[in-house]
Amino acid sequence: MNYIYFLYTVLITILGSFLMFVGGFGVFVLTLIFPKFTYPILKFFAKIFVFCLGIKVKIEGEFPKDGPFIVMANHSSMIDPFLWGTFMQGKFTGIVADTNLKYPVYGWILKRLNAVVINRKNRMDSIKRMQNAEKVLKKGIHIGIHPEGTRTLTGKMNVLKKGGFYMAKNTNTPILPVGFDGAFNFKPKNRFLIKPTTVIIRIGEKISNKLYQSKSIDDLIDITTTQLKKLSGEIN
């Protein structure tokens, strides 16, 4: 039985790679031909992609109709970027490390979303690029971010970095915490094969910008950390 399951996971892994490169390329081309439908196309692809990988997505909570928001989610798996397309509403982009652009197809799609690219090794360059993110928010576009900066190796959340919280304060934009519960089981950073699973996406209550005057950056990090740990199932 274990041998059969191993073969199954190998086949799913191969299928995922095929869909990413072939299907993703097709999606990229479609967004060039029909630019007005970029977001619907990408969202549809994200849902089909995670389904074909054996992931059953359950969404708890509702995405608020107002906005824009800085949407913050925990980061535990390579599938996380594709989960965004299953629950985000309206127009959105993300803040990503420049290393993501080196991947064929995936990097192209990030460019189509006008993702804000930062260099983790160059703090001043990252600060300038974060200012570009602030311009995006002013256009009413949501920005998604994994405030941990990198995937966890243990399944437990890493310490949240301050950049996204400074951006929230500087633009007076509410934070919307979202928890991914189960993505670590699908594929942690230190495992090659993927494992079909159920991922519960919990959309939390927005952290109002009315708190920004009375709360420090560290206070906002503490509030968001607690929310994300609860939403991701790390704590009750």
C-alpha atoms as a PDB file:
ATOM      1  CA  MET A   1       0.000   0.000   0.000  1.00  0.00           C
ATOM      2  CA  ASN A   2       2.848   2.405   0.844  1.00  0.00           C
ATOM      3  CA  TYR A   3       4.506   1.536  -2.479  1.00  0.00           C
ATOM      4  CA  ILE A   4       1.318   2.357  -4.386  1.00  0.00           C
ATOM      5  CA  TYR A   5       0.948   5.643  -2.507  1.00  0.00           C
ATOM      6  CA  PHE A   6       4.575   6.517  -3.301  1.00  0.00           C
ATOM      7  CA  LEU A   7       3.941   5.961  -7.015  1.00  0.00           C
ATOM      8  CA  TYR A   8       0.804   8.092  -6.747  1.00  0.00           C
ATOM      9  CA  THR A   9       2.716  11.003  -5.211  1.00  0.00           C
ATOM     10  CA  VAL A  10       5.411  10.692  -7.895  1.00  0.00           C
ATOM     11  CA  LEU A  11       2.775  10.878 -10.641  1.00  0.00           C
ATOM     12  CA  ILE A  12       1.106  13.888  -9.005  1.00  0.00           C
ATOM     13  CA  THR A  13       4.487  15.610  -8.750  1.00  0.00           C
ATOM     14  CA  ILE A  14       5.146  15.011 -12.456  1.00  0.00           C
ATOM     15  CA  LEU A  15       1.646  16.238 -13.330  1.00  0.00           C
ATOM     16  CA  GLY A  16       2.184  19.375 -11.282  1.00  0.00           C
ATOM     17  CA  SER A  17       5.422  20.158 -13.103  1.00  0.00           C
ATOM     18  CA  PHE A  18       3.720  19.619 -16.459  1.00  0.00           C
ATOM     19  CA  LEU A  19       0.783  21.864 -15.565  1.00  0.00           C
ATOM     20  CA  MET A  20       3.074  24.574 -14.255  1.00  0.00           C
ATOM     21  CA  PHE A  21       5.149  24.834 -17.412  1.00  0.00           C
ATOM     22  CA  VAL A  22       2.657  23.937 -20.145  1.00  0.00           C
ATOM     23  CA  GLY A  23      -0.568  25.199 -18.567  1.00  0.00           C
ATOM     24  CA  GLY A  24       1.158  28.215 -17.065  1.00  0.00           C
ATOM     25  CA  PHE A  25       2.619  29.167 -20.439  1.00  0.00           C
ATOM     26  CA  GLY A  26      -0.845  28.953 -21.985  1.00  0.00           C
ATOM     27  CA  VAL A  27      -2.239  31.181 -19.259  1.00  0.00           C
ATOM     28  CA  PHE A  28       0.571  33.689 -19.796  1.00  0.00           C
ATOM     29  CA  VAL A  29      -0.211  33.858 -23.524  1.00  0.00           C
ATOM     30  CA  LEU A  30      -3.941  34.271 -22.863  1.00  0.00           C
ATOM     31  CA  THR A  31      -3.293  37.222 -20.542  1.00  0.00           C
ATOM     32  CA  LEU A  32      -1.304  38.876 -23.330  1.00  0.00           C
ATOM     33  CA  ILE A  33      -4.126  38.338 -25.839  1.00  0.00           C
ATOM     34  CA  PHE A  34      -6.913  39.302 -23.414  1.00  0.00           C
ATOM     35  CA  PRO A  35      -5.285  41.721 -20.921  1.00  0.00           C
ATOM     36  CA  LYS A  36      -8.651  42.846 -19.519  1.00  0.00           C
ATOM     37  CA  PHE A  37      -9.265  39.298 -18.321  1.00  0.00           C
ATOM     38  CA  THR A  38      -5.860  38.822 -16.684  1.00  0.00           C
ATOM     39  CA  TYR A  39      -7.209  38.368 -13.162  1.00  0.00           C
ATOM     40  CA  PRO A  40     -10.107  36.016 -14.004  1.00  0.00           C
ATOM     41  CA  ILE A  41      -7.750  33.896 -16.124  1.00  0.00           C
ATOM     42  CA  LEU A  42      -5.109  33.671 -13.400  1.00  0.00           C
ATOM     43  CA  LYS A  43      -7.684  32.878 -10.714  1.00  0.00           C
ATOM     44  CA  PHE A  44      -9.199  30.133 -12.855  1.00  0.00           C
ATOM     45  CA  PHE A  45      -5.771  28.632 -13.510  1.00  0.00           C
ATOM     46  CA  ALA A  46      -4.893  28.720  -9.802  1.00  0.00           C
ATOM     47  CA  LYS A  47      -8.048  26.810  -8.889  1.00  0.00           C
ATOM     48  CA  ILE A  48      -7.535  24.197 -11.614  1.00  0.00           C
ATOM     49  CA  PHE A  49      -3.851  23.835 -10.737  1.00  0.00           C
ATOM     50  CA  VAL A  50      -4.343  23.136  -7.027  1.00  0.00           C
ATOM     51  CA  PHE A  51      -7.242  20.774  -7.802  1.00  0.00           C
ATOM     52  CA  CYS A  52      -5.125  18.726 -10.217  1.00  0.00           C
ATOM     53  CA  LEU A  53      -2.413  18.451  -7.572  1.00  0.00           C
ATOM     54  CA  GLY A  54      -4.855  16.724  -5.265  1.00  0.00           C
ATOM     55  CA  ILE A  55      -5.512  19.703  -3.025  1.00  0.00           C
ATOM     56  CA  LYS A  56      -9.012  20.221  -1.707  1.00  0.00           C
ATOM     57  CA  VAL A  57      -9.425  23.863  -0.746  1.00  0.00           C
ATOM     58  CA  LYS A  58     -11.918  24.915   1.904  1.00  0.00           C
ATOM     59  CA  ILE A  59     -12.459  28.608   2.518  1.00  0.00           C
ATOM     60  CA  GLU A  60     -13.707  29.844   5.871  1.00  0.00           C
ATOM     61  CA  GLY A  61     -14.729  33.461   6.291  1.00  0.00           C
ATOM     62  CA  GLU A  62     -15.506  36.106   3.687  1.00  0.00           C
ATOM     63  CA  PHE A  63     -13.206  38.461   1.857  1.00  0.00           C
ATOM     64  CA  PRO A  64     -14.309  42.027   2.752  1.00  0.00           C
ATOM     65  CA  LYS A  65     -15.838  44.057  -0.058  1.00  0.00           C
ATOM     66  CA  ASP A  66     -14.106  47.303   0.869  1.00  0.00           C
ATOM     67  CA  GLY A  67     -10.388  47.867   0.572  1.00  0.00           C
ATOM     68  CA  PRO A  68      -7.723  47.809  -0.624  1.00  0.00           C
ATOM     69  CA  PHE A  69      -5.939  45.662   1.932  1.00  0.00           C
ATOM     70  CA  ILE A  70      -2.475  44.453   2.663  1.00  0.00           C
ATOM     71  CA  VAL A  71      -3.302  40.762   2.886  1.00  0.00           C
ATOM     72  CA  MET A  72      -0.860  38.846   5.088  1.00  0.00           C
ATOM     73  CA  ALA A  73      -0.659  35.046   5.130  1.00  0.00           C
ATOM     74  CA  ASN A  74       1.630  32.478   6.730  1.00  0.00           C
ATOM     75  CA  HIS A  75       4.175  30.803   4.449  1.00  0.00           C
ATOM     76  CA  SER A  76       4.773  27.059   4.745  1.00  0.00           C
ATOM     77  CA  SER A  77       4.761  25.518   1.256  1.00  0.00           C
ATOM     78  CA  MET A  78       5.642  26.008  -2.408  1.00  0.00           C
ATOM     79  CA  ILE A  79       1.912  25.846  -3.179  1.00  0.00           C
ATOM     80  CA  ASP A  80       1.195  29.034  -1.193  1.00  0.00           C
ATOM     81  CA  PRO A  81       1.521  31.453  -4.160  1.00  0.00           C
ATOM     82  CA  PHE A  82      -1.178  29.542  -6.048  1.00  0.00           C
ATOM     83  CA  LEU A  83      -3.541  29.493  -3.074  1.00  0.00           C
ATOM     84  CA  TRP A  84      -3.881  33.268  -3.322  1.00  0.00           C
ATOM     85  CA  GLY A  85      -5.846  32.915  -6.536  1.00  0.00           C
ATOM     86  CA  THR A  86      -8.456  30.726  -4.857  1.00  0.00           C
ATOM     87  CA  PHE A  87      -9.746  33.366  -2.430  1.00  0.00           C
ATOM     88  CA  MET A  88      -8.588  36.860  -3.417  1.00  0.00           C
ATOM     89  CA  GLN A  89     -11.211  39.270  -4.735  1.00  0.00           C
ATOM     90  CA  GLY A  90     -10.762  42.071  -7.250  1.00  0.00           C
ATOM     91  CA  LYS A  91      -7.336  43.115  -8.484  1.00  0.00           C
ATOM     92  CA  PHE A  92      -4.270  42.099  -6.540  1.00  0.00           C
ATOM     93  CA  THR A  93      -0.538  41.679  -6.741  1.00  0.00           C
ATOM     94  CA  GLY A  94       2.184  40.609  -4.355  1.00  0.00           C
ATOM     95  CA  ILE A  95       5.580  41.366  -2.916  1.00  0.00           C
ATOM     96  CA  VAL A  96       8.073  38.700  -3.948  1.00  0.00           C
ATOM     97  CA  ALA A  97      11.805  38.069  -3.751  1.00  0.00           C
ATOM     98  CA  ASP A  98      13.727  38.688  -6.967  1.00  0.00           C
ATOM     99  CA  THR A  99      14.843  35.041  -6.975  1.00  0.00           C
ATOM    100  CA  ASN A 100      11.291  34.049  -7.981  1.00  0.00           C
ATOM    101  CA  LEU A 101      11.708  35.708 -11.372  1.00  0.00           C
ATOM    102  CA  LYS A 102      14.322  33.169 -12.449  1.00  0.00           C
ATOM    103  CA  TYR A 103      11.715  30.415 -12.723  1.00  0.00           C
ATOM    104  CA  PRO A 104      10.289  30.027 -16.255  1.00  0.00           C
ATOM    105  CA  VAL A 105       6.538  30.664 -16.587  1.00  0.00           C
ATOM    106  CA  TYR A 106       6.072  31.404 -12.862  1.00  0.00           C
ATOM    107  CA  GLY A 107       8.325  34.429 -13.161  1.00  0.00           C
ATOM    108  CA  TRP A 108       6.480  35.558 -16.287  1.00  0.00           C
ATOM    109  CA  ILE A 109       3.133  35.336 -14.510  1.00  0.00           C
ATOM    110  CA  LEU A 110       4.496  37.409 -11.628  1.00  0.00           C
ATOM    111  CA  LYS A 111       5.452  40.089 -14.131  1.00  0.00           C
ATOM    112  CA  ARG A 112       1.946  40.019 -15.625  1.00  0.00           C
ATOM    113  CA  LEU A 113       0.615  40.732 -12.131  1.00  0.00           C
ATOM    114  CA  ASN A 114       3.078  43.625 -11.800  1.00  0.00           C
ATOM    115  CA  ALA A 115       4.438  42.018  -8.651  1.00  0.00           C
ATOM    116  CA  VAL A 116       6.624  44.223  -6.474  1.00  0.00           C
ATOM    117  CA  VAL A 117      10.042  42.570  -6.566  1.00  0.00           C
ATOM    118  CA  ILE A 118      12.503  43.067  -3.709  1.00  0.00           C
ATOM    119  CA  ASN A 119      16.144  42.131  -3.218  1.00  0.00           C
ATOM    120  CA  ARG A 120      16.546  40.614   0.231  1.00  0.00           C
ATOM    121  CA  LYS A 121      20.284  41.319   0.167  1.00  0.00           C
ATOM    122  CA  ASN A 122      19.914  45.014  -0.667  1.00  0.00           C
ATOM    123  CA  ARG A 123      17.942  46.823   2.026  1.00  0.00           C
ATOM    124  CA  MET A 124      17.971  50.257   0.361  1.00  0.00           C
ATOM    125  CA  ASP A 125      16.753  48.822  -2.946  1.00  0.00           C
ATOM    126  CA  SER A 126      13.986  46.960  -1.115  1.00  0.00           C
ATOM    127  CA  ILE A 127      12.861  50.171   0.594  1.00  0.00           C
ATOM    128  CA  LYS A 128      12.597  51.942  -2.782  1.00  0.00           C
ATOM    129  CA  ARG A 129      10.594  49.080  -4.249  1.00  0.00           C
ATOM    130  CA  MET A 130       8.279  49.048  -1.233  1.00  0.00           C
ATOM    131  CA  GLN A 131       7.481  52.657  -2.111  1.00  0.00           C
ATOM    132  CA  ASN A 132       6.283  51.365  -5.492  1.00  0.00           C
ATOM    133  CA  ALA A 133       3.960  49.044  -3.591  1.00  0.00           C
ATOM    134  CA  GLU A 134       2.473  52.055  -1.867  1.00  0.00           C
ATOM    135  CA  LYS A 135       1.598  53.519  -5.282  1.00  0.00           C
ATOM    136  CA  VAL A 136      -0.167  50.263  -6.167  1.00  0.00           C
ATOM    137  CA  LEU A 137      -2.316  50.462  -3.040  1.00  0.00           C
ATOM    138  CA  LYS A 138      -3.391  53.982  -3.921  1.00  0.00           C
ATOM    139  CA  LYS A 139      -4.841  52.558  -7.153  1.00  0.00           C
ATOM    140  CA  GLY A 140      -7.133  50.309  -5.107  1.00  0.00           C
ATOM    141  CA  ILE A 141      -5.175  47.107  -5.782  1.00  0.00           C
ATOM    142  CA  HIS A 142      -4.728  44.618  -2.924  1.00  0.00           C
ATOM    143  CA  ILE A 143      -1.193  43.559  -2.073  1.00  0.00           C
ATOM    144  CA  GLY A 144      -0.518  40.057  -0.803  1.00  0.00           C
ATOM    145  CA  ILE A 145       2.514  39.358   1.326  1.00  0.00           C
ATOM    146  CA  HIS A 146       4.043  36.539   3.344  1.00  0.00           C
ATOM    147  CA  PRO A 147       5.470  38.636   6.207  1.00  0.00           C
ATOM    148  CA  GLU A 148       7.724  35.789   7.381  1.00  0.00           C
ATOM    149  CA  GLY A 149       9.781  36.373   4.249  1.00  0.00           C
ATOM    150  CA  THR A 150      10.511  32.695   3.657  1.00  0.00           C
ATOM    151  CA  ARG A 151       8.899  29.290   4.157  1.00  0.00           C
ATOM    152  CA  THR A 152       8.999  27.658   7.563  1.00  0.00           C
ATOM    153  CA  LEU A 153      11.058  24.478   7.898  1.00  0.00           C
ATOM    154  CA  THR A 154       9.182  23.208  10.942  1.00  0.00           C
ATOM    155  CA  GLY A 155       5.534  24.008  10.284  1.00  0.00           C
ATOM    156  CA  LYS A 156       5.670  26.715  12.953  1.00  0.00           C
ATOM    157  CA  MET A 157       5.552  30.351  11.892  1.00  0.00           C
ATOM    158  CA  ASN A 158       8.787  32.298  11.606  1.00  0.00           C
ATOM    159  CA  VAL A 159       9.147  35.774  13.100  1.00  0.00           C
ATOM    160  CA  LEU A 160       7.326  38.369  10.986  1.00  0.00           C
ATOM    161  CA  LYS A 161       9.436  41.014   9.273  1.00  0.00           C
ATOM    162  CA  LYS A 162       8.621  44.695   9.662  1.00  0.00           C
ATOM    163  CA  GLY A 163       8.510  45.864   6.031  1.00  0.00           C
ATOM    164  CA  GLY A 164       4.844  45.129   5.363  1.00  0.00           C
ATOM    165  CA  PHE A 165       3.785  46.783   8.600  1.00  0.00           C
ATOM    166  CA  TYR A 166       5.655  49.987   7.803  1.00  0.00           C
ATOM    167  CA  MET A 167       3.922  49.952   4.429  1.00  0.00           C
ATOM    168  CA  ALA A 168       0.543  49.519   6.133  1.00  0.00           C
ATOM    169  CA  LYS A 169       1.196  52.471   8.424  1.00  0.00           C
ATOM    170  CA  ASN A 170       2.670  54.700   5.731  1.00  0.00           C
ATOM    171  CA  THR A 171      -0.333  54.186   3.442  1.00  0.00           C
ATOM    172  CA  ASN A 172      -2.917  53.924   6.228  1.00  0.00           C
ATOM    173  CA  THR A 173      -4.057  50.613   4.696  1.00  0.00           C
ATOM    174  CA  PRO A 174      -5.850  47.980   6.818  1.00  0.00           C
ATOM    175  CA  ILE A 175      -4.220  44.560   7.233  1.00  0.00           C
ATOM    176  CA  LEU A 176      -6.239  41.447   6.406  1.00  0.00           C
ATOM    177  CA  PRO A 177      -4.772  38.308   8.040  1.00  0.00           C
ATOM    178  CA  VAL A 178      -5.322  34.991   6.244  1.00  0.00           C
ATOM    179  CA  GLY A 179      -4.250  31.568   7.485  1.00  0.00           C
ATOM    180  CA  PHE A 180      -3.230  28.605   5.313  1.00  0.00           C
ATOM    181  CA  ASP A 181      -3.878  25.456   7.350  1.00  0.00           C
ATOM    182  CA  GLY A 182      -2.600  22.224   5.782  1.00  0.00           C
ATOM    183  CA  ALA A 183      -0.274  23.566   3.088  1.00  0.00           C
ATOM    184  CA  PHE A 184       2.781  22.383   5.043  1.00  0.00           C
ATOM    185  CA  ASN A 185       1.527  18.800   4.755  1.00  0.00           C
ATOM    186  CA  PHE A 186       1.318  19.170   0.966  1.00  0.00           C
ATOM    187  CA  LYS A 187       4.992  19.985   0.504  1.00  0.00           C
ATOM    188  CA  PRO A 188       7.322  21.424   3.118  1.00  0.00           C
ATOM    189  CA  LYS A 189      10.514  23.094   1.939  1.00  0.00           C
ATOM    190  CA  ASN A 190      12.708  20.118   2.853  1.00  0.00           C
ATOM    191  CA  ARG A 191      10.684  17.414   1.038  1.00  0.00           C
ATOM    192  CA  PHE A 192      10.786  16.760  -2.716  1.00  0.00           C
ATOM    193  CA  LEU A 193       7.542  14.832  -3.276  1.00  0.00           C
ATOM    194  CA  ILE A 194       4.140  16.432  -2.843  1.00  0.00           C
ATOM    195  CA  LYS A 195       1.319  14.900  -0.825  1.00  0.00           C
ATOM    196  CA  PRO A 196      -2.356  15.451  -1.766  1.00  0.00           C
ATOM    197  CA  THR A 197      -4.165  17.029   1.155  1.00  0.00           C
ATOM    198  CA  THR A 198      -6.879  19.434   2.296  1.00  0.00           C
ATOM    199  CA  VAL A 199      -5.954  23.078   2.789  1.00  0.00           C
ATOM    200  CA  ILE A 200      -8.233  25.273   4.849  1.00  0.00           C
ATOM    201  CA  ILE A 201      -7.954  28.969   4.053  1.00  0.00           C
ATOM    202  CA  ARG A 202      -9.278  31.072   6.917  1.00  0.00           C
ATOM    203  CA  ILE A 203      -9.960  34.735   6.221  1.00  0.00           C
ATOM    204  CA  GLY A 204      -9.696  36.704   9.439  1.00  0.00           C
ATOM    205  CA  GLU A 205     -11.036  40.023  10.614  1.00  0.00           C
ATOM    206  CA  LYS A 206      -9.247  43.037   9.194  1.00  0.00           C
ATOM    207  CA  ILE A 207      -6.914  44.945  11.480  1.00  0.00           C
ATOM    208  CA  SER A 208      -8.280  48.469  11.269  1.00  0.00           C
ATOM    209  CA  ASN A 209      -6.044  51.362  10.313  1.00  0.00           C
ATOM    210  CA  LYS A 210      -7.663  53.228  13.199  1.00  0.00           C
ATOM    211  CA  LEU A 211      -5.246  51.335  15.463  1.00  0.00           C
ATOM    212  CA  TYR A 212      -2.177  52.694  13.723  1.00  0.00           C
ATOM    213  CA  GLN A 213      -1.921  55.925  15.693  1.00  0.00           C
ATOM    214  CA  SER A 214      -2.045  54.165  19.052  1.00  0.00           C
ATOM    215  CA  LYS A 215      -0.014  51.060  18.164  1.00  0.00           C
ATOM    216  CA  SER A 216       3.675  50.705  17.380  1.00  0.00           C
ATOM    217  CA  ILE A 217       5.065  48.499  14.602  1.00  0.00           C
ATOM    218  CA  ASP A 218       5.955  45.872  17.201  1.00  0.00           C
ATOM    219  CA  ASP A 219       2.389  46.006  18.553  1.00  0.00           C
ATOM    220  CA  LEU A 220       0.973  45.418  15.062  1.00  0.00           C
ATOM    221  CA  ILE A 221       3.375  42.521  14.533  1.00  0.00           C
ATOM    222  CA  ASP A 222       2.245  40.938  17.810  1.00  0.00           C
ATOM    223  CA  ILE A 223      -1.445  41.344  16.910  1.00  0.00           C
ATOM    224  CA  THR A 224      -0.947  39.934  13.409  1.00  0.00           C
ATOM    225  CA  THR A 225       1.232  37.063  14.621  1.00  0.00           C
ATOM    226  CA  THR A 226      -1.437  35.938  17.066  1.00  0.00           C
ATOM    227  CA  GLN A 227      -4.139  36.181  14.401  1.00  0.00           C
ATOM    228  CA  LEU A 228      -2.109  34.229  11.829  1.00  0.00           C
ATOM    229  CA  LYS A 229      -1.224  31.480  14.290  1.00  0.00           C
ATOM    230  CA  LYS A 230      -4.896  31.037  15.133  1.00  0.00           C
ATOM    231  CA  LEU A 231      -6.051  31.168  11.513  1.00  0.00           C
ATOM    232  CA  SER A 232      -3.386  28.699  10.356  1.00  0.00           C
ATOM    233  CA  GLY A 233      -4.224  26.235  13.117  1.00  0.00           C
ATOM    234  CA  GLU A 234      -0.900  26.583  14.940  1.00  0.00           C
ATOM    235  CA  ILE A 235      -2.672  27.642  18.136  1.00  0.00           C
ATOM    236  CA  ASN A 236      -6.292  27.532  19.275  1.00  0.00           C
END
